[in-house]
Amino acid sequence: MPATVVNWGGDDAVSDKEMGEHVAYLTGLEPKFVESPISFDSFASDNTRRESLIGTLQGALERRCPSHF
């Protein structure tokens, strides 16, 4: 039986820079960004399949870890 392939992108679209800044915040590191003509910002995730399987990420987290909400 083939595996179900799901895009695990989040519920909200964010840029590469926003994601890097958030990871830097979580890790306490200072990000260093280099401008490049190559970027994945123009490829928004299609979360339709993931949402059909588990719903929104906020809802899934609340169901799995109710004491944190």
PDB file of N, CA and C in Angstrom:
ATOM      1  N   MET A   1       0.842  -1.168   0.000  1.00  0.00           N
ATOM      2  CA  MET A   1       0.000   0.000   0.000  1.00  0.00           C
ATOM      3  C   MET A   1       0.894   1.240   0.000  1.00  0.00           C
ATOM      4  N   PRO A   2       0.654   2.178  -0.923  1.00  0.00           N
ATOM      5  CA  PRO A   2       1.487   3.381  -0.975  1.00  0.00           C
ATOM      6  C   PRO A   2       1.234   4.297   0.225  1.00  0.00           C
ATOM      7  N   ALA A   3       2.270   5.027   0.606  1.00  0.00           N
ATOM      8  CA  ALA A   3       2.163   5.961   1.730  1.00  0.00           C
ATOM      9  C   ALA A   3       1.357   7.185   1.328  1.00  0.00           C
ATOM     10  N   THR A   4       0.667   7.777   2.300  1.00  0.00           N
ATOM     11  CA  THR A   4      -0.016   9.047   2.081  1.00  0.00           C
ATOM     12  C   THR A   4       1.004  10.165   2.204  1.00  0.00           C
ATOM     13  N   VAL A   5       1.111  10.980   1.164  1.00  0.00           N
ATOM     14  CA  VAL A   5       2.045  12.097   1.173  1.00  0.00           C
ATOM     15  C   VAL A   5       1.263  13.362   1.509  1.00  0.00           C
ATOM     16  N   VAL A   6       1.722  14.077   2.529  1.00  0.00           N
ATOM     17  CA  VAL A   6       1.012  15.257   2.996  1.00  0.00           C
ATOM     18  C   VAL A   6       1.990  16.421   3.125  1.00  0.00           C
ATOM     19  N   ASN A   7       1.567  17.598   2.677  1.00  0.00           N
ATOM     20  CA  ASN A   7       2.353  18.804   2.870  1.00  0.00           C
ATOM     21  C   ASN A   7       2.124  19.264   4.300  1.00  0.00           C
ATOM     22  N   TRP A   8       3.166  19.287   5.128  1.00  0.00           N
ATOM     23  CA  TRP A   8       3.025  19.650   6.536  1.00  0.00           C
ATOM     24  C   TRP A   8       3.274  21.129   6.775  1.00  0.00           C
ATOM     25  N   GLY A   9       3.062  21.949   5.758  1.00  0.00           N
ATOM     26  CA  GLY A   9       3.181  23.392   5.941  1.00  0.00           C
ATOM     27  C   GLY A   9       2.151  23.868   6.964  1.00  0.00           C
ATOM     28  N   GLY A  10       2.410  25.005   7.549  1.00  0.00           N
ATOM     29  CA  GLY A  10       1.520  25.552   8.568  1.00  0.00           C
ATOM     30  C   GLY A  10       0.233  26.111   7.985  1.00  0.00           C
ATOM     31  N   ASP A  11      -0.639  26.585   8.870  1.00  0.00           N
ATOM     32  CA  ASP A  11      -1.918  27.142   8.443  1.00  0.00           C
ATOM     33  C   ASP A  11      -1.757  28.502   7.772  1.00  0.00           C
ATOM     34  N   ASP A  12      -0.707  29.247   8.126  1.00  0.00           N
ATOM     35  CA  ASP A  12      -0.492  30.586   7.589  1.00  0.00           C
ATOM     36  C   ASP A  12       0.737  30.610   6.698  1.00  0.00           C
ATOM     37  N   ALA A  13       0.636  31.316   5.593  1.00  0.00           N
ATOM     38  CA  ALA A  13       1.787  31.470   4.697  1.00  0.00           C
ATOM     39  C   ALA A  13       2.758  32.467   5.313  1.00  0.00           C
ATOM     40  N   VAL A  14       4.027  32.120   5.345  1.00  0.00           N
ATOM     41  CA  VAL A  14       5.070  33.020   5.838  1.00  0.00           C
ATOM     42  C   VAL A  14       6.217  33.042   4.839  1.00  0.00           C
ATOM     43  N   SER A  15       6.972  34.132   4.841  1.00  0.00           N
ATOM     44  CA  SER A  15       8.110  34.236   3.927  1.00  0.00           C
ATOM     45  C   SER A  15       9.304  33.474   4.500  1.00  0.00           C
ATOM     46  N   ASP A  16      10.302  33.269   3.641  1.00  0.00           N
ATOM     47  CA  ASP A  16      11.543  32.641   4.099  1.00  0.00           C
ATOM     48  C   ASP A  16      12.150  33.448   5.242  1.00  0.00           C
ATOM     49  N   LYS A  17      12.149  34.784   5.096  1.00  0.00           N
ATOM     50  CA  LYS A  17      12.733  35.653   6.109  1.00  0.00           C
ATOM     51  C   LYS A  17      11.970  35.557   7.425  1.00  0.00           C
ATOM     52  N   GLU A  18      10.636  35.559   7.358  1.00  0.00           N
ATOM     53  CA  GLU A  18       9.838  35.435   8.590  1.00  0.00           C
ATOM     54  C   GLU A  18      10.130  34.116   9.297  1.00  0.00           C
ATOM     55  N   MET A  19      10.227  33.036   8.536  1.00  0.00           N
ATOM     56  CA  MET A  19      10.520  31.738   9.134  1.00  0.00           C
ATOM     57  C   MET A  19      11.910  31.753   9.774  1.00  0.00           C
ATOM     58  N   GLY A  20      12.896  32.321   9.070  1.00  0.00           N
ATOM     59  CA  GLY A  20      14.236  32.412   9.618  1.00  0.00           C
ATOM     60  C   GLY A  20      14.286  33.245  10.885  1.00  0.00           C
ATOM     61  N   GLU A  21      13.550  34.357  10.911  1.00  0.00           N
ATOM     62  CA  GLU A  21      13.508  35.207  12.100  1.00  0.00           C
ATOM     63  C   GLU A  21      12.865  34.471  13.274  1.00  0.00           C
ATOM     64  N   HIS A  22      11.848  33.689  12.996  1.00  0.00           N
ATOM     65  CA  HIS A  22      11.180  32.945  14.074  1.00  0.00           C
ATOM     66  C   HIS A  22      12.104  31.866  14.639  1.00  0.00           C
ATOM     67  N   VAL A  23      12.783  31.138  13.768  1.00  0.00           N
ATOM     68  CA  VAL A  23      13.729  30.116  14.228  1.00  0.00           C
ATOM     69  C   VAL A  23      14.849  30.776  15.039  1.00  0.00           C
ATOM     70  N   ALA A  24      15.320  31.932  14.588  1.00  0.00           N
ATOM     71  CA  ALA A  24      16.360  32.655  15.327  1.00  0.00           C
ATOM     72  C   ALA A  24      15.854  33.051  16.706  1.00  0.00           C
ATOM     73  N   TYR A  25      14.620  33.520  16.781  1.00  0.00           N
ATOM     74  CA  TYR A  25      14.024  33.885  18.068  1.00  0.00           C
ATOM     75  C   TYR A  25      13.960  32.666  19.000  1.00  0.00           C
ATOM     76  N   LEU A  26      13.515  31.534  18.470  1.00  0.00           N
ATOM     77  CA  LEU A  26      13.384  30.324  19.285  1.00  0.00           C
ATOM     78  C   LEU A  26      14.733  29.806  19.773  1.00  0.00           C
ATOM     79  N   THR A  27      15.770  29.990  18.959  1.00  0.00           N
ATOM     80  CA  THR A  27      17.081  29.445  19.303  1.00  0.00           C
ATOM     81  C   THR A  27      18.007  30.449  19.972  1.00  0.00           C
ATOM     82  N   GLY A  28      17.604  31.720  19.965  1.00  0.00           N
ATOM     83  CA  GLY A  28      18.449  32.749  20.555  1.00  0.00           C
ATOM     84  C   GLY A  28      19.617  33.146  19.673  1.00  0.00           C
ATOM     85  N   LEU A  29      19.566  32.780  18.407  1.00  0.00           N
ATOM     86  CA  LEU A  29      20.640  33.118  17.465  1.00  0.00           C
ATOM     87  C   LEU A  29      20.254  34.342  16.645  1.00  0.00           C
ATOM     88  N   GLU A  30      21.252  35.010  16.076  1.00  0.00           N
ATOM     89  CA  GLU A  30      20.983  36.157  15.224  1.00  0.00           C
ATOM     90  C   GLU A  30      21.032  35.709  13.765  1.00  0.00           C
ATOM     91  N   PRO A  31      19.955  35.928  13.016  1.00  0.00           N
ATOM     92  CA  PRO A  31      19.957  35.475  11.616  1.00  0.00           C
ATOM     93  C   PRO A  31      20.821  36.377  10.738  1.00  0.00           C
ATOM     94  N   LYS A  32      21.379  35.803   9.703  1.00  0.00           N
ATOM     95  CA  LYS A  32      22.118  36.540   8.695  1.00  0.00           C
ATOM     96  C   LYS A  32      21.522  36.154   7.353  1.00  0.00           C
ATOM     97  N   PHE A  33      20.878  37.097   6.709  1.00  0.00           N
ATOM     98  CA  PHE A  33      20.203  36.834   5.443  1.00  0.00           C
ATOM     99  C   PHE A  33      21.042  37.336   4.281  1.00  0.00           C
ATOM    100  N   VAL A  34      21.072  36.570   3.198  1.00  0.00           N
ATOM    101  CA  VAL A  34      21.784  36.939   1.984  1.00  0.00           C
ATOM    102  C   VAL A  34      20.757  36.987   0.866  1.00  0.00           C
ATOM    103  N   GLU A  35      20.671  38.134   0.195  1.00  0.00           N
ATOM    104  CA  GLU A  35      19.739  38.262  -0.925  1.00  0.00           C
ATOM    105  C   GLU A  35      20.145  37.321  -2.053  1.00  0.00           C
ATOM    106  N   SER A  36      19.157  36.719  -2.681  1.00  0.00           N
ATOM    107  CA  SER A  36      19.418  35.779  -3.759  1.00  0.00           C
ATOM    108  C   SER A  36      18.259  35.824  -4.752  1.00  0.00           C
ATOM    109  N   PRO A  37      18.522  35.624  -6.032  1.00  0.00           N
ATOM    110  CA  PRO A  37      17.427  35.569  -7.001  1.00  0.00           C
ATOM    111  C   PRO A  37      16.593  34.291  -6.843  1.00  0.00           C
ATOM    112  N   ILE A  38      17.114  33.327  -6.098  1.00  0.00           N
ATOM    113  CA  ILE A  38      16.399  32.073  -5.874  1.00  0.00           C
ATOM    114  C   ILE A  38      15.667  32.158  -4.542  1.00  0.00           C
ATOM    115  N   SER A  39      14.364  31.922  -4.565  1.00  0.00           N
ATOM    116  CA  SER A  39      13.567  32.007  -3.343  1.00  0.00           C
ATOM    117  C   SER A  39      12.388  31.054  -3.449  1.00  0.00           C
ATOM    118  N   PHE A  40      11.972  30.523  -2.319  1.00  0.00           N
ATOM    119  CA  PHE A  40      10.798  29.655  -2.298  1.00  0.00           C
ATOM    120  C   PHE A  40       9.566  30.411  -1.822  1.00  0.00           C
ATOM    121  N   ASP A  41       9.690  31.741  -1.599  1.00  0.00           N
ATOM    122  CA  ASP A  41       8.561  32.538  -1.133  1.00  0.00           C
ATOM    123  C   ASP A  41       7.379  32.506  -2.096  1.00  0.00           C
ATOM    124  N   SER A  42       7.643  32.274  -3.372  1.00  0.00           N
ATOM    125  CA  SER A  42       6.558  32.292  -4.352  1.00  0.00           C
ATOM    126  C   SER A  42       5.807  30.965  -4.419  1.00  0.00           C
ATOM    127  N   PHE A  43       6.214  29.975  -3.609  1.00  0.00           N
ATOM    128  CA  PHE A  43       5.577  28.667  -3.620  1.00  0.00           C
ATOM    129  C   PHE A  43       4.803  28.465  -2.322  1.00  0.00           C
ATOM    130  N   ALA A  44       3.577  28.952  -2.274  1.00  0.00           N
ATOM    131  CA  ALA A  44       2.763  28.772  -1.068  1.00  0.00           C
ATOM    132  C   ALA A  44       2.322  27.317  -0.958  1.00  0.00           C
ATOM    133  N   SER A  45       2.260  26.828   0.256  1.00  0.00           N
ATOM    134  CA  SER A  45       1.838  25.442   0.502  1.00  0.00           C
ATOM    135  C   SER A  45       0.346  25.284   0.245  1.00  0.00           C
ATOM    136  N   ASP A  46      -0.039  24.158  -0.303  1.00  0.00           N
ATOM    137  CA  ASP A  46      -1.446  23.797  -0.414  1.00  0.00           C
ATOM    138  C   ASP A  46      -1.727  22.800   0.700  1.00  0.00           C
ATOM    139  N   ASN A  47      -2.436  23.242   1.708  1.00  0.00           N
ATOM    140  CA  ASN A  47      -2.659  22.434   2.907  1.00  0.00           C
ATOM    141  C   ASN A  47      -3.989  21.677   2.894  1.00  0.00           C
ATOM    142  N   THR A  48      -4.638  21.611   1.743  1.00  0.00           N
ATOM    143  CA  THR A  48      -5.952  20.988   1.643  1.00  0.00           C
ATOM    144  C   THR A  48      -5.955  19.546   2.146  1.00  0.00           C
ATOM    145  N   ARG A  49      -4.995  18.753   1.718  1.00  0.00           N
ATOM    146  CA  ARG A  49      -4.946  17.331   2.103  1.00  0.00           C
ATOM    147  C   ARG A  49      -4.705  17.181   3.605  1.00  0.00           C
ATOM    148  N   ARG A  50      -3.730  17.948   4.149  1.00  0.00           N
ATOM    149  CA  ARG A  50      -3.455  17.877   5.585  1.00  0.00           C
ATOM    150  C   ARG A  50      -4.686  18.273   6.386  1.00  0.00           C
ATOM    151  N   GLU A  51      -5.354  19.362   5.990  1.00  0.00           N
ATOM    152  CA  GLU A  51      -6.538  19.800   6.721  1.00  0.00           C
ATOM    153  C   GLU A  51      -7.654  18.767   6.647  1.00  0.00           C
ATOM    154  N   SER A  52      -7.765  18.044   5.521  1.00  0.00           N
ATOM    155  CA  SER A  52      -8.809  17.017   5.419  1.00  0.00           C
ATOM    156  C   SER A  52      -8.520  15.835   6.338  1.00  0.00           C
ATOM    157  N   LEU A  53      -7.220  15.602   6.640  1.00  0.00           N
ATOM    158  CA  LEU A  53      -6.840  14.484   7.508  1.00  0.00           C
ATOM    159  C   LEU A  53      -6.865  14.845   8.991  1.00  0.00           C
ATOM    160  N   ILE A  54      -6.331  16.026   9.346  1.00  0.00           N
ATOM    161  CA  ILE A  54      -6.209  16.359  10.774  1.00  0.00           C
ATOM    162  C   ILE A  54      -6.817  17.695  11.157  1.00  0.00           C
ATOM    163  N   GLY A  55      -7.339  18.454  10.196  1.00  0.00           N
ATOM    164  CA  GLY A  55      -7.885  19.774  10.503  1.00  0.00           C
ATOM    165  C   GLY A  55      -6.764  20.806  10.550  1.00  0.00           C
ATOM    166  N   THR A  56      -7.056  21.950  11.144  1.00  0.00           N
ATOM    167  CA  THR A  56      -6.038  22.987  11.254  1.00  0.00           C
ATOM    168  C   THR A  56      -4.971  22.555  12.252  1.00  0.00           C
ATOM    169  N   LEU A  57      -3.796  23.126  12.135  1.00  0.00           N
ATOM    170  CA  LEU A  57      -2.728  22.782  13.073  1.00  0.00           C
ATOM    171  C   LEU A  57      -3.074  23.231  14.483  1.00  0.00           C
ATOM    172  N   GLN A  58      -3.691  24.413  14.623  1.00  0.00           N
ATOM    173  CA  GLN A  58      -4.089  24.881  15.958  1.00  0.00           C
ATOM    174  C   GLN A  58      -5.055  23.882  16.583  1.00  0.00           C
ATOM    175  N   GLY A  59      -6.036  23.435  15.832  1.00  0.00           N
ATOM    176  CA  GLY A  59      -6.993  22.458  16.353  1.00  0.00           C
ATOM    177  C   GLY A  59      -6.331  21.137  16.701  1.00  0.00           C
ATOM    178  N   ALA A  60      -5.396  20.684  15.843  1.00  0.00           N
ATOM    179  CA  ALA A  60      -4.694  19.421  16.107  1.00  0.00           C
ATOM    180  C   ALA A  60      -3.861  19.527  17.374  1.00  0.00           C
ATOM    181  N   LEU A  61      -3.169  20.645  17.555  1.00  0.00           N
ATOM    182  CA  LEU A  61      -2.361  20.829  18.763  1.00  0.00           C
ATOM    183  C   LEU A  61      -3.239  20.890  20.007  1.00  0.00           C
ATOM    184  N   GLU A  62      -4.366  21.568  19.910  1.00  0.00           N
ATOM    185  CA  GLU A  62      -5.274  21.654  21.062  1.00  0.00           C
ATOM    186  C   GLU A  62      -5.825  20.278  21.434  1.00  0.00           C
ATOM    187  N   ARG A  63      -6.087  19.440  20.440  1.00  0.00           N
ATOM    188  CA  ARG A  63      -6.588  18.095  20.732  1.00  0.00           C
ATOM    189  C   ARG A  63      -5.495  17.224  21.345  1.00  0.00           C
ATOM    190  N   ARG A  64      -4.244  17.353  20.853  1.00  0.00           N
ATOM    191  CA  ARG A  64      -3.144  16.520  21.332  1.00  0.00           C
ATOM    192  C   ARG A  64      -2.554  16.991  22.660  1.00  0.00           C
ATOM    193  N   CYS A  65      -2.567  18.317  22.898  1.00  0.00           N
ATOM    194  CA  CYS A  65      -1.930  18.895  24.090  1.00  0.00           C
ATOM    195  C   CYS A  65      -2.874  19.882  24.763  1.00  0.00           C
ATOM    196  N   PRO A  66      -4.043  19.429  25.216  1.00  0.00           N
ATOM    197  CA  PRO A  66      -5.039  20.371  25.748  1.00  0.00           C
ATOM    198  C   PRO A  66      -4.565  21.168  26.965  1.00  0.00           C
ATOM    199  N   SER A  67      -3.632  20.643  27.737  1.00  0.00           N
ATOM    200  CA  SER A  67      -3.173  21.360  28.926  1.00  0.00           C
ATOM    201  C   SER A  67      -2.355  22.615  28.578  1.00  0.00           C
ATOM    202  N   HIS A  68      -1.910  22.726  27.326  1.00  0.00           N
ATOM    203  CA  HIS A  68      -1.113  23.878  26.916  1.00  0.00           C
ATOM    204  C   HIS A  68      -1.970  25.016  26.379  1.00  0.00           C
ATOM    205  N   PHE A  69      -3.280  24.817  26.305  1.00  0.00           N
ATOM    206  CA  PHE A  69      -4.133  25.851  25.707  1.00  0.00           C
ATOM    207  C   PHE A  69      -5.166  26.333  26.681  1.00  0.00           C
TER     208      PHE A  69
END
